[in-house]
PDB file of N, CA and C in Angstrom:
ATOM      1  N   MET A   1     110.693 -45.502 -89.925  1.00  0.00           N
ATOM      2  CA  MET A   1     110.192 -46.315 -91.026  1.00  0.00           C
ATOM      3  C   MET A   1     110.544 -45.608 -92.322  1.00  0.00           C
ATOM      4  N   ARG A   2     111.142 -46.323 -93.221  1.00  0.00           N
ATOM      5  CA  ARG A   2     111.501 -45.767 -94.512  1.00  0.00           C
ATOM      6  C   ARG A   2     110.408 -46.034 -95.568  1.00  0.00           C
ATOM      7  N   ALA A   3     109.748 -47.180 -95.455  1.00  0.00           N
ATOM      8  CA  ALA A   3     108.747 -47.538 -96.461  1.00  0.00           C
ATOM      9  C   ALA A   3     107.667 -48.412 -95.871  1.00  0.00           C
ATOM     10  N   HIS A   4     106.510 -48.381 -96.509  1.00  0.00           N
ATOM     11  CA  HIS A   4     105.392 -49.252 -96.133  1.00  0.00           C
ATOM     12  C   HIS A   4     104.946 -49.936 -97.408  1.00  0.00           C
ATOM     13  N   VAL A   5     104.945 -51.279 -97.390  1.00  0.00           N
ATOM     14  CA  VAL A   5     104.541 -52.095 -98.517  1.00  0.00           C
ATOM     15  C   VAL A   5     103.236 -52.780 -98.194  1.00  0.00           C
ATOM     16  N   LEU A   6     102.242 -52.534 -99.040  1.00  0.00           N
ATOM     17  CA  LEU A   6     100.919 -53.159 -98.809  1.00  0.00           C
ATOM     18  C   LEU A   6     100.675 -54.171 -99.926  1.00  0.00           C
ATOM     19  N   VAL A   7     100.386 -55.388 -99.510  1.00  0.00           N
ATOM     20  CA  VAL A   7     100.057 -56.471-100.446  1.00  0.00           C
ATOM     21  C   VAL A   7      98.604 -56.767-100.362  1.00  0.00           C
ATOM     22  N   CYS A   8      97.894 -56.556-101.490  1.00  0.00           N
ATOM     23  CA  CYS A   8      96.456 -56.795-101.493  1.00  0.00           C
ATOM     24  C   CYS A   8      96.156 -58.261-101.188  1.00  0.00           C
ATOM     25  N   ARG A   9      95.164 -58.466-100.365  1.00  0.00           N
ATOM     26  CA  ARG A   9      94.715 -59.824-100.036  1.00  0.00           C
ATOM     27  C   ARG A   9      93.203 -59.925-100.296  1.00  0.00           C
ATOM     28  N   GLY A  10      92.696 -59.075-101.159  1.00  0.00           N
ATOM     29  CA  GLY A  10      91.313 -59.184-101.569  1.00  0.00           C
ATOM     30  C   GLY A  10      91.072 -60.491-102.268  1.00  0.00           C
ATOM     31  N   PRO A  11      89.857 -60.893-102.480  1.00  0.00           N
ATOM     32  CA  PRO A  11      89.558 -62.205-103.064  1.00  0.00           C
ATOM     33  C   PRO A  11      90.268 -62.482-104.384  1.00  0.00           C
ATOM     34  N   ASP A  12      90.269 -61.480-105.281  1.00  0.00           N
ATOM     35  CA  ASP A  12      90.888 -61.712-106.575  1.00  0.00           C
ATOM     36  C   ASP A  12      92.412 -61.935-106.447  1.00  0.00           C
ATOM     37  N   CYS A  13      93.064 -61.025-105.694  1.00  0.00           N
ATOM     38  CA  CYS A  13      94.496 -61.139-105.521  1.00  0.00           C
ATOM     39  C   CYS A  13      94.871 -62.426-104.771  1.00  0.00           C
ATOM     40  N   ALA A  14      94.070 -62.759-103.781  1.00  0.00           N
ATOM     41  CA  ALA A  14      94.316 -63.995-103.012  1.00  0.00           C
ATOM     42  C   ALA A  14      94.274 -65.205-103.898  1.00  0.00           C
ATOM     43  N   SER A  15      93.321 -65.218-104.837  1.00  0.00           N
ATOM     44  CA  SER A  15      93.204 -66.372-105.727  1.00  0.00           C
ATOM     45  C   SER A  15      94.321 -66.427-106.766  1.00  0.00           C
ATOM     46  N   ARG A  16      95.044 -65.339-106.895  1.00  0.00           N
ATOM     47  CA  ARG A  16      96.151 -65.272-107.880  1.00  0.00           C
ATOM     48  C   ARG A  16      97.532 -65.364-107.233  1.00  0.00           C
ATOM     49  N   GLY A  17      97.577 -65.734-105.984  1.00  0.00           N
ATOM     50  CA  GLY A  17      98.879 -65.977-105.340  1.00  0.00           C
ATOM     51  C   GLY A  17      99.416 -64.868-104.470  1.00  0.00           C
ATOM     52  N   ALA A  18      98.533 -64.014-103.920  1.00  0.00           N
ATOM     53  CA  ALA A  18      99.019 -62.900-103.109  1.00  0.00           C
ATOM     54  C   ALA A  18      99.812 -63.361-101.879  1.00  0.00           C
ATOM     55  N   GLN A  19      99.428 -64.490-101.280  1.00  0.00           N
ATOM     56  CA  GLN A  19     100.158 -64.954-100.095  1.00  0.00           C
ATOM     57  C   GLN A  19     101.604 -65.289-100.458  1.00  0.00           C
ATOM     58  N   ASP A  20     101.841 -65.881-101.616  1.00  0.00           N
ATOM     59  CA  ASP A  20     103.219 -66.150-102.038  1.00  0.00           C
ATOM     60  C   ASP A  20     103.994 -64.875-102.252  1.00  0.00           C
ATOM     61  N   VAL A  21     103.327 -63.840-102.798  1.00  0.00           N
ATOM     62  CA  VAL A  21     103.994 -62.547-102.974  1.00  0.00           C
ATOM     63  C   VAL A  21     104.313 -61.957-101.612  1.00  0.00           C
ATOM     64  N   TYR A  22     103.378 -61.977-100.685  1.00  0.00           N
ATOM     65  CA  TYR A  22     103.607 -61.444 -99.336  1.00  0.00           C
ATOM     66  C   TYR A  22     104.817 -62.151 -98.702  1.00  0.00           C
ATOM     67  N   THR A  23     104.846 -63.469 -98.779  1.00  0.00           N
ATOM     68  CA  THR A  23     105.949 -64.233 -98.201  1.00  0.00           C
ATOM     69  C   THR A  23     107.284 -63.863 -98.832  1.00  0.00           C
ATOM     70  N   ALA A  24     107.301 -63.726-100.166  1.00  0.00           N
ATOM     71  CA  ALA A  24     108.537 -63.406-100.849  1.00  0.00           C
ATOM     72  C   ALA A  24     109.043 -62.022-100.493  1.00  0.00           C
ATOM     73  N   VAL A  25     108.133 -61.046-100.359  1.00  0.00           N
ATOM     74  CA  VAL A  25     108.558 -59.707 -99.944  1.00  0.00           C
ATOM     75  C   VAL A  25     109.116 -59.746 -98.528  1.00  0.00           C
ATOM     76  N   ALA A  26     108.407 -60.451 -97.626  1.00  0.00           N
ATOM     77  CA  ALA A  26     108.883 -60.566 -96.253  1.00  0.00           C
ATOM     78  C   ALA A  26     110.274 -61.187 -96.186  1.00  0.00           C
ATOM     79  N   TRP A  27     110.492 -62.225 -96.979  1.00  0.00           N
ATOM     80  CA  TRP A  27     111.791 -62.871 -96.997  1.00  0.00           C
ATOM     81  C   TRP A  27     112.876 -61.939 -97.510  1.00  0.00           C
ATOM     82  N   GLU A  28     112.567 -61.151 -98.547  1.00  0.00           N
ATOM     83  CA  GLU A  28     113.527 -60.216 -99.113  1.00  0.00           C
ATOM     84  C   GLU A  28     113.852 -59.104 -98.130  1.00  0.00           C
ATOM     85  N   VAL A  29     112.863 -58.598 -97.430  1.00  0.00           N
ATOM     86  CA  VAL A  29     113.098 -57.561 -96.418  1.00  0.00           C
ATOM     87  C   VAL A  29     114.007 -58.104 -95.346  1.00  0.00           C
ATOM     88  N   GLU A  30     113.728 -59.291 -94.868  1.00  0.00           N
ATOM     89  CA  GLU A  30     114.546 -59.917 -93.827  1.00  0.00           C
ATOM     90  C   GLU A  30     115.973 -60.215 -94.328  1.00  0.00           C
ATOM     91  N   ARG A  31     116.088 -60.721 -95.552  1.00  0.00           N
ATOM     92  CA  ARG A  31     117.377 -61.063 -96.107  1.00  0.00           C
ATOM     93  C   ARG A  31     118.285 -59.829 -96.184  1.00  0.00           C
ATOM     94  N   ARG A  32     117.702 -58.703 -96.452  1.00  0.00           N
ATOM     95  CA  ARG A  32     118.463 -57.459 -96.577  1.00  0.00           C
ATOM     96  C   ARG A  32     118.664 -56.724 -95.258  1.00  0.00           C
ATOM     97  N   GLY A  33     118.092 -57.271 -94.173  1.00  0.00           N
ATOM     98  CA  GLY A  33     118.231 -56.637 -92.866  1.00  0.00           C
ATOM     99  C   GLY A  33     117.454 -55.363 -92.752  1.00  0.00           C
ATOM    100  N   LEU A  34     116.329 -55.261 -93.420  1.00  0.00           N
ATOM    101  CA  LEU A  34     115.548 -54.037 -93.461  1.00  0.00           C
ATOM    102  C   LEU A  34     114.255 -54.081 -92.630  1.00  0.00           C
ATOM    103  N   SER A  35     114.123 -55.069 -91.782  1.00  0.00           N
ATOM    104  CA  SER A  35     112.867 -55.220 -91.045  1.00  0.00           C
ATOM    105  C   SER A  35     112.544 -54.061 -90.115  1.00  0.00           C
ATOM    106  N   GLU A  36     113.558 -53.294 -89.732  1.00  0.00           N
ATOM    107  CA  GLU A  36     113.303 -52.128 -88.906  1.00  0.00           C
ATOM    108  C   GLU A  36     112.927 -50.912 -89.761  1.00  0.00           C
ATOM    109  N   GLU A  37     113.141 -50.985 -91.068  1.00  0.00           N
ATOM    110  CA  GLU A  37     112.936 -49.839 -91.954  1.00  0.00           C
ATOM    111  C   GLU A  37     111.727 -49.994 -92.876  1.00  0.00           C
ATOM    112  N   ILE A  38     111.346 -51.220 -93.163  1.00  0.00           N
ATOM    113  CA  ILE A  38     110.246 -51.483 -94.092  1.00  0.00           C
ATOM    114  C   ILE A  38     109.142 -52.235 -93.384  1.00  0.00           C
ATOM    115  N   VAL A  39     107.998 -51.654 -93.375  1.00  0.00           N
ATOM    116  CA  VAL A  39     106.779 -52.287 -92.782  1.00  0.00           C
ATOM    117  C   VAL A  39     105.977 -52.899 -93.901  1.00  0.00           C
ATOM    118  N   GLN A  40     105.480 -54.102 -93.670  1.00  0.00           N
ATOM    119  CA  GLN A  40     104.690 -54.818 -94.660  1.00  0.00           C
ATOM    120  C   GLN A  40     103.334 -55.133 -94.053  1.00  0.00           C
ATOM    121  N   THR A  41     102.276 -54.887 -94.842  1.00  0.00           N
ATOM    122  CA  THR A  41     100.922 -55.079 -94.379  1.00  0.00           C
ATOM    123  C   THR A  41     100.111 -55.851 -95.410  1.00  0.00           C
ATOM    124  N   LYS A  42      99.283 -56.781 -94.934  1.00  0.00           N
ATOM    125  CA  LYS A  42      98.278 -57.418 -95.808  1.00  0.00           C
ATOM    126  C   LYS A  42      97.064 -56.467 -95.837  1.00  0.00           C
ATOM    127  N   SER A  43      96.658 -56.091 -97.011  1.00  0.00           N
ATOM    128  CA  SER A  43      95.522 -55.177 -97.091  1.00  0.00           C
ATOM    129  C   SER A  43      94.320 -55.869 -97.695  1.00  0.00           C
ATOM    130  N   GLY A  44      93.180 -55.231 -97.567  1.00  0.00           N
ATOM    131  CA  GLY A  44      92.007 -55.674 -98.315  1.00  0.00           C
ATOM    132  C   GLY A  44      92.136 -55.189 -99.749  1.00  0.00           C
ATOM    133  N   CYS A  45      91.094 -55.352-100.537  1.00  0.00           N
ATOM    134  CA  CYS A  45      91.130 -54.944-101.912  1.00  0.00           C
ATOM    135  C   CYS A  45      91.510 -53.484-102.034  1.00  0.00           C
ATOM    136  N   VAL A  46      92.470 -53.182-102.878  1.00  0.00           N
ATOM    137  CA  VAL A  46      92.925 -51.811-103.085  1.00  0.00           C
ATOM    138  C   VAL A  46      92.211 -51.146-104.274  1.00  0.00           C
ATOM    139  N   GLY A  47      91.405 -51.875-105.003  1.00  0.00           N
ATOM    140  CA  GLY A  47      90.513 -51.286-105.967  1.00  0.00           C
ATOM    141  C   GLY A  47      90.996 -51.006-107.361  1.00  0.00           C
ATOM    142  N   PRO A  48      91.824 -49.969-107.546  1.00  0.00           N
ATOM    143  CA  PRO A  48      92.097 -49.496-108.896  1.00  0.00           C
ATOM    144  C   PRO A  48      92.630 -50.560-109.888  1.00  0.00           C
ATOM    145  N   LEU A  49      93.368 -51.520-109.396  1.00  0.00           N
ATOM    146  CA  LEU A  49      93.907 -52.546-110.303  1.00  0.00           C
ATOM    147  C   LEU A  49      93.260 -53.895-110.086  1.00  0.00           C
ATOM    148  N   CYS A  50      92.113 -53.904-109.433  1.00  0.00           N
ATOM    149  CA  CYS A  50      91.433 -55.155-109.164  1.00  0.00           C
ATOM    150  C   CYS A  50      91.188 -55.909-110.491  1.00  0.00           C
ATOM    151  N   GLY A  51      91.450 -57.167-110.458  1.00  0.00           N
ATOM    152  CA  GLY A  51      91.331 -58.002-111.653  1.00  0.00           C
ATOM    153  C   GLY A  51      92.653 -58.218-112.336  1.00  0.00           C
ATOM    154  N   GLY A  52      93.656 -57.486-111.920  1.00  0.00           N
ATOM    155  CA  GLY A  52      94.975 -57.627-112.536  1.00  0.00           C
ATOM    156  C   GLY A  52      96.052 -57.959-111.536  1.00  0.00           C
ATOM    157  N   GLY A  53      95.639 -58.519-110.411  1.00  0.00           N
ATOM    158  CA  GLY A  53      96.556 -58.740-109.302  1.00  0.00           C
ATOM    159  C   GLY A  53      97.355 -60.031-109.393  1.00  0.00           C
ATOM    160  N   PRO A  54      98.126 -60.261-108.386  1.00  0.00           N
ATOM    161  CA  PRO A  54      98.221 -59.569-107.125  1.00  0.00           C
ATOM    162  C   PRO A  54      98.762 -58.142-107.288  1.00  0.00           C
ATOM    163  N   VAL A  55      98.289 -57.267-106.412  1.00  0.00           N
ATOM    164  CA  VAL A  55      98.651 -55.852-106.432  1.00  0.00           C
ATOM    165  C   VAL A  55      99.491 -55.536-105.198  1.00  0.00           C
ATOM    166  N   VAL A  56     100.539 -54.764-105.382  1.00  0.00           N
ATOM    167  CA  VAL A  56     101.362 -54.255-104.285  1.00  0.00           C
ATOM    168  C   VAL A  56     101.458 -52.757-104.455  1.00  0.00           C
ATOM    169  N   CYS A  57     101.281 -52.012-103.378  1.00  0.00           N
ATOM    170  CA  CYS A  57     101.524 -50.569-103.422  1.00  0.00           C
ATOM    171  C   CYS A  57     102.496 -50.215-102.309  1.00  0.00           C
ATOM    172  N   CYS A  58     103.337 -49.244-102.606  1.00  0.00           N
ATOM    173  CA  CYS A  58     104.397 -48.841-101.698  1.00  0.00           C
ATOM    174  C   CYS A  58     104.305 -47.366-101.373  1.00  0.00           C
ATOM    175  N   TYR A  59     104.537 -47.040-100.140  1.00  0.00           N
ATOM    176  CA  TYR A  59     104.559 -45.659 -99.684  1.00  0.00           C
ATOM    177  C   TYR A  59     105.857 -45.420 -98.936  1.00  0.00           C
ATOM    178  N   PRO A  60     106.454 -44.282 -99.062  1.00  0.00           N
ATOM    179  CA  PRO A  60     105.879 -43.018 -99.487  1.00  0.00           C
ATOM    180  C   PRO A  60     105.967 -42.758-100.992  1.00  0.00           C
ATOM    181  N   THR A  61     106.550 -43.642-101.747  1.00  0.00           N
ATOM    182  CA  THR A  61     106.701 -43.373-103.190  1.00  0.00           C
ATOM    183  C   THR A  61     105.387 -43.337-103.951  1.00  0.00           C
ATOM    184  N   GLY A  62     104.363 -44.069-103.464  1.00  0.00           N
ATOM    185  CA  GLY A  62     103.096 -44.149-104.166  1.00  0.00           C
ATOM    186  C   GLY A  62     103.133 -45.075-105.349  1.00  0.00           C
ATOM    187  N   ALA A  63     104.168 -45.897-105.450  1.00  0.00           N
ATOM    188  CA  ALA A  63     104.281 -46.851-106.591  1.00  0.00           C
ATOM    189  C   ALA A  63     103.313 -47.997-106.436  1.00  0.00           C
ATOM    190  N   TRP A  64     102.712 -48.392-107.536  1.00  0.00           N
ATOM    191  CA  TRP A  64     101.790 -49.533-107.606  1.00  0.00           C
ATOM    192  C   TRP A  64     102.371 -50.549-108.576  1.00  0.00           C
ATOM    193  N   TYR A  65     102.240 -51.810-108.237  1.00  0.00           N
ATOM    194  CA  TYR A  65     102.761 -52.886-109.079  1.00  0.00           C
ATOM    195  C   TYR A  65     101.650 -53.919-109.277  1.00  0.00           C
ATOM    196  N   ALA A  66     101.410 -54.344-110.511  1.00  0.00           N
ATOM    197  CA  ALA A  66     100.467 -55.404-110.776  1.00  0.00           C
ATOM    198  C   ALA A  66     100.607 -55.859-112.234  1.00  0.00           C
ATOM    199  N   PRO A  67     100.480 -57.117-112.514  1.00  0.00           N
ATOM    200  CA  PRO A  67     100.417 -58.214-111.562  1.00  0.00           C
ATOM    201  C   PRO A  67     101.824 -58.481-111.025  1.00  0.00           C
ATOM    202  N   VAL A  68     101.878 -58.908-109.810  1.00  0.00           N
ATOM    203  CA  VAL A  68     103.144 -59.160-109.120  1.00  0.00           C
ATOM    204  C   VAL A  68     103.273 -60.666-108.892  1.00  0.00           C
ATOM    205  N   ALA A  69     104.504 -61.152-109.116  1.00  0.00           N
ATOM    206  CA  ALA A  69     104.850 -62.566-108.825  1.00  0.00           C
ATOM    207  C   ALA A  69     105.872 -62.568-107.694  1.00  0.00           C
ATOM    208  N   PRO A  70     106.047 -63.673-107.004  1.00  0.00           N
ATOM    209  CA  PRO A  70     107.079 -63.751-105.967  1.00  0.00           C
ATOM    210  C   PRO A  70     108.452 -63.341-106.472  1.00  0.00           C
ATOM    211  N   THR A  71     108.740 -63.596-107.729  1.00  0.00           N
ATOM    212  CA  THR A  71     110.043 -63.259-108.298  1.00  0.00           C
ATOM    213  C   THR A  71     110.262 -61.745-108.428  1.00  0.00           C
ATOM    214  N   ASP A  72     109.201 -60.946-108.229  1.00  0.00           N
ATOM    215  CA  ASP A  72     109.336 -59.491-108.281  1.00  0.00           C
ATOM    216  C   ASP A  72     109.714 -58.896-106.945  1.00  0.00           C
ATOM    217  N   ALA A  73     109.776 -59.683-105.905  1.00  0.00           N
ATOM    218  CA  ALA A  73     109.995 -59.189-104.552  1.00  0.00           C
ATOM    219  C   ALA A  73     111.284 -58.358-104.403  1.00  0.00           C
ATOM    220  N   ALA A  74     112.378 -58.829-104.983  1.00  0.00           N
ATOM    221  CA  ALA A  74     113.660 -58.122-104.872  1.00  0.00           C
ATOM    222  C   ALA A  74     113.553 -56.746-105.478  1.00  0.00           C
ATOM    223  N   ALA A  75     112.948 -56.631-106.645  1.00  0.00           N
ATOM    224  CA  ALA A  75     112.825 -55.327-107.300  1.00  0.00           C
ATOM    225  C   ALA A  75     111.937 -54.386-106.503  1.00  0.00           C
ATOM    226  N   ILE A  76     110.879 -54.904-105.912  1.00  0.00           N
ATOM    227  CA  ILE A  76     109.991 -54.072-105.115  1.00  0.00           C
ATOM    228  C   ILE A  76     110.720 -53.546-103.861  1.00  0.00           C
ATOM    229  N   VAL A  77     111.419 -54.417-103.195  1.00  0.00           N
ATOM    230  CA  VAL A  77     112.141 -53.986-101.972  1.00  0.00           C
ATOM    231  C   VAL A  77     113.269 -53.027-102.319  1.00  0.00           C
ATOM    232  N   GLU A  78     113.889 -53.230-103.452  1.00  0.00           N
ATOM    233  CA  GLU A  78     114.965 -52.283-103.911  1.00  0.00           C
ATOM    234  C   GLU A  78     114.398 -50.901-104.042  1.00  0.00           C
TER     235      GLU A  78
END
């Protein structure tokens, strides 16, 4: 595994379109043929950026993104 992408699905992020972000990231990972290298997880509230979501955090880089739109998926996967 090269990377782990967590998409917050807490109540605030969910109400702001987190499912669409999750779907867009999954599509981008698949489109690039990276499904064996990038793991994607729906998480509960990640806290620090709550209220400014949807929030995505990536490991091992430790990068956090918020607010995220589906159109940001390509940049996140890159």
